[in-house]
C-alpha atoms as a PDB file:
ATOM      1  CA  MET A   1    -155.784 -91.013 -41.929  1.00  0.00           C
ATOM      2  CA  SER A   2    -153.820 -94.179 -41.276  1.00  0.00           C
ATOM      3  CA  ASP A   3    -153.687 -97.013 -39.252  1.00  0.00           C
ATOM      4  CA  LYS A   4    -150.344 -97.172 -37.900  1.00  0.00           C
ATOM      5  CA  LYS A   5    -150.075 -96.435 -34.197  1.00  0.00           C
ATOM      6  CA  ALA A   6    -147.757 -93.816 -33.143  1.00  0.00           C
ATOM      7  CA  PRO A   7    -143.916 -95.038 -31.637  1.00  0.00           C
ATOM      8  CA  LYS A   8    -143.802 -95.697 -28.153  1.00  0.00           C
ATOM      9  CA  PRO A   9    -141.223 -93.573 -26.758  1.00  0.00           C
ATOM     10  CA  LYS A  10    -138.410 -95.998 -26.006  1.00  0.00           C
ATOM     11  CA  GLN A  11    -136.970 -96.056 -22.385  1.00  0.00           C
ATOM     12  CA  LEU A  12    -134.460 -96.950 -20.671  1.00  0.00           C
ATOM     13  CA  ASP A  13    -134.101 -99.067 -17.564  1.00  0.00           C
ATOM     14  CA  ILE A  14    -131.020 -97.954 -15.297  1.00  0.00           C
ATOM     15  CA  ALA A  15    -129.565 -99.305 -12.462  1.00  0.00           C
ATOM     16  CA  ILE A  16    -127.344 -98.714  -9.780  1.00  0.00           C
ATOM     17  CA  ASP A  17    -125.571-100.651  -7.173  1.00  0.00           C
ATOM     18  CA  GLU A  18    -124.843 -99.836  -3.595  1.00  0.00           C
ATOM     19  CA  GLU A  19    -121.487 -98.589  -3.803  1.00  0.00           C
ATOM     20  CA  VAL A  20    -122.479 -96.277  -6.675  1.00  0.00           C
ATOM     21  CA  ALA A  21    -125.808 -94.972  -4.945  1.00  0.00           C
ATOM     22  CA  ASP A  22    -123.799 -93.714  -1.608  1.00  0.00           C
ATOM     23  CA  GLY A  23    -122.566 -91.089  -3.607  1.00  0.00           C
ATOM     24  CA  VAL A  24    -118.906 -89.533  -3.208  1.00  0.00           C
ATOM     25  CA  TYR A  25    -118.500 -86.172  -1.337  1.00  0.00           C
ATOM     26  CA  SER A  26    -116.385 -83.230  -3.892  1.00  0.00           C
ATOM     27  CA  ASN A  27    -116.309 -79.757  -2.677  1.00  0.00           C
ATOM     28  CA  LEU A  28    -113.681 -79.372  -5.769  1.00  0.00           C
ATOM     29  CA  ALA A  29    -113.509 -79.938  -9.629  1.00  0.00           C
ATOM     30  CA  ILE A  30    -110.679 -79.589 -12.026  1.00  0.00           C
ATOM     31  CA  ILE A  31    -112.333 -79.582 -15.745  1.00  0.00           C
ATOM     32  CA  ASN A  32    -109.562 -80.589 -18.844  1.00  0.00           C
ATOM     33  CA  HIS A  33    -110.140 -80.886 -22.279  1.00  0.00           C
ATOM     34  CA  SER A  34    -108.817 -82.485 -25.420  1.00  0.00           C
ATOM     35  CA  ALA A  35    -110.192 -82.027 -28.899  1.00  0.00           C
ATOM     36  CA  SER A  36    -112.218 -84.993 -28.061  1.00  0.00           C
ATOM     37  CA  GLU A  37    -113.368 -85.187 -24.547  1.00  0.00           C
ATOM     38  CA  PHE A  38    -113.935 -83.351 -21.255  1.00  0.00           C
ATOM     39  CA  ILE A  39    -112.412 -84.560 -18.263  1.00  0.00           C
ATOM     40  CA  VAL A  40    -113.881 -83.797 -15.007  1.00  0.00           C
ATOM     41  CA  ASP A  41    -112.135 -84.667 -11.335  1.00  0.00           C
ATOM     42  CA  PHE A  42    -114.006 -84.082  -8.711  1.00  0.00           C
ATOM     43  CA  ILE A  43    -111.996 -83.915  -5.654  1.00  0.00           C
ATOM     44  CA  THR A  44    -112.615 -83.240  -1.546  1.00  0.00           C
ATOM     45  CA  VAL A  45    -110.150 -80.674  -0.275  1.00  0.00           C
ATOM     46  CA  MET A  46    -110.155 -81.602   3.481  1.00  0.00           C
ATOM     47  CA  PRO A  47    -109.087 -77.974   5.845  1.00  0.00           C
ATOM     48  CA  GLY A  48    -105.555 -77.844   6.280  1.00  0.00           C
ATOM     49  CA  ALA A  49    -104.235 -80.503   4.738  1.00  0.00           C
ATOM     50  CA  PRO A  50    -101.781 -80.378   2.784  1.00  0.00           C
ATOM     51  CA  LYS A  51    -102.979 -82.521  -0.284  1.00  0.00           C
ATOM     52  CA  ALA A  52    -106.380 -83.505  -2.361  1.00  0.00           C
ATOM     53  CA  ARG A  53    -106.924 -86.800  -3.852  1.00  0.00           C
ATOM     54  CA  VAL A  54    -109.244 -87.152  -6.628  1.00  0.00           C
ATOM     55  CA  LYS A  55    -112.332 -89.699  -5.522  1.00  0.00           C
ATOM     56  CA  SER A  56    -113.966 -89.859  -8.843  1.00  0.00           C
ATOM     57  CA  ARG A  57    -113.129 -88.768 -12.842  1.00  0.00           C
ATOM     58  CA  VAL A  58    -115.569 -88.382 -15.543  1.00  0.00           C
ATOM     59  CA  ILE A  59    -114.590 -88.462 -19.304  1.00  0.00           C
ATOM     60  CA  LEU A  60    -117.460 -86.896 -21.621  1.00  0.00           C
ATOM     61  CA  THR A  61    -117.820 -86.599 -25.364  1.00  0.00           C
ATOM     62  CA  PRO A  62    -117.613 -82.192 -25.949  1.00  0.00           C
ATOM     63  CA  GLU A  63    -121.536 -82.899 -27.454  1.00  0.00           C
ATOM     64  CA  HIS A  64    -122.666 -84.799 -23.594  1.00  0.00           C
ATOM     65  CA  ALA A  65    -120.586 -82.109 -22.113  1.00  0.00           C
ATOM     66  CA  LYS A  66    -122.878 -79.167 -23.474  1.00  0.00           C
ATOM     67  CA  ARG A  67    -126.076 -81.440 -22.640  1.00  0.00           C
ATOM     68  CA  PHE A  68    -124.506 -81.909 -19.160  1.00  0.00           C
ATOM     69  CA  LYS A  69    -123.971 -78.151 -18.843  1.00  0.00           C
ATOM     70  CA  LYS A  70    -127.398 -77.215 -20.081  1.00  0.00           C
ATOM     71  CA  ALA A  71    -129.290 -79.967 -17.060  1.00  0.00           C
ATOM     72  CA  LEU A  72    -127.058 -77.949 -14.939  1.00  0.00           C
ATOM     73  CA  GLU A  73    -128.484 -74.980 -15.005  1.00  0.00           C
ATOM     74  CA  ASP A  74    -131.781 -76.088 -15.499  1.00  0.00           C
ATOM     75  CA  ASN A  75    -131.756 -77.551 -11.969  1.00  0.00           C
ATOM     76  CA  ILE A  76    -129.085 -75.112 -10.625  1.00  0.00           C
ATOM     77  CA  GLN A  77    -132.229 -72.323 -11.761  1.00  0.00           C
ATOM     78  CA  ARG A  78    -134.772 -74.341 -10.251  1.00  0.00           C
ATOM     79  CA  PHE A  79    -133.322 -74.752  -7.041  1.00  0.00           C
ATOM     80  CA  GLU A  80    -132.990 -71.363  -6.707  1.00  0.00           C
ATOM     81  CA  ASN A  81    -136.416 -70.807  -7.393  1.00  0.00           C
ATOM     82  CA  VAL A  82    -137.324 -72.670  -4.523  1.00  0.00           C
ATOM     83  CA  HIS A  83    -134.401 -71.968  -2.420  1.00  0.00           C
ATOM     84  CA  GLY A  84    -133.033 -68.622  -3.042  1.00  0.00           C
ATOM     85  CA  THR A  85    -129.753 -67.705  -4.763  1.00  0.00           C
ATOM     86  CA  ILE A  86    -126.929 -69.806  -4.163  1.00  0.00           C
ATOM     87  CA  GLU A  87    -123.904 -67.288  -3.525  1.00  0.00           C
ATOM     88  CA  THR A  88    -120.455 -68.483  -4.118  1.00  0.00           C
ATOM     89  CA  ASN A  89    -118.606 -65.487  -3.627  1.00  0.00           C
ATOM     90  CA  ASP A  90    -115.518 -67.377  -1.269  1.00  0.00           C
ATOM     91  CA  PRO A  91    -112.112 -67.339  -2.954  1.00  0.00           C
ATOM     92  CA  PRO A  92    -111.136 -70.908  -3.776  1.00  0.00           C
ATOM     93  CA  PRO A  93    -109.826 -73.191  -0.517  1.00  0.00           C
ATOM     94  CA  ILE A  94    -106.756 -73.117  -2.070  1.00  0.00           C
ATOM     95  CA  PRO A  95    -104.166 -72.452  -4.784  1.00  0.00           C
ATOM     96  CA  LEU A  96    -103.960 -75.515  -7.285  1.00  0.00           C
ATOM     97  CA  ASN A  97    -100.690 -77.023  -7.927  1.00  0.00           C
ATOM     98  CA  PHE A  98    -100.952 -79.531 -11.098  1.00  0.00           C
ATOM     99  CA  GLY A  99     -97.665 -80.014 -12.039  1.00  0.00           C
ATOM    100  CA  PRO A 100     -96.971 -79.674 -16.055  1.00  0.00           C
ATOM    101  CA  ALA A 101     -99.692 -79.045 -18.282  1.00  0.00           C
ATOM    102  CA  GLY A 102    -100.873 -81.786 -20.619  1.00  0.00           C
ATOM    103  CA  GLU A 103    -103.160 -82.936 -23.041  1.00  0.00           C
ATOM    104  CA  ALA A 104    -105.711 -86.107 -22.428  1.00  0.00           C
END
């Protein structure tokens, strides 16, 4: 047996400022990708409004996007275990038109 102690797990101290902690409401997300990143635009669509704006953009590496997908799936499963199945039968609120397609 070794006298060495097992390494302590590293901890990450995360801080959040008030403006970010307030959050941004989104009822639409658009996801695009290139060979090196995933871009997620969070949008708020108002009923009857002909135009909507991106409220927040998050850019992820492909590896982190896959980890995020798994974490989101796990959290949705836990939510549904407590609150029941989340229904998603509604069609998209509006047809989407983003102009010419591009790659980031």
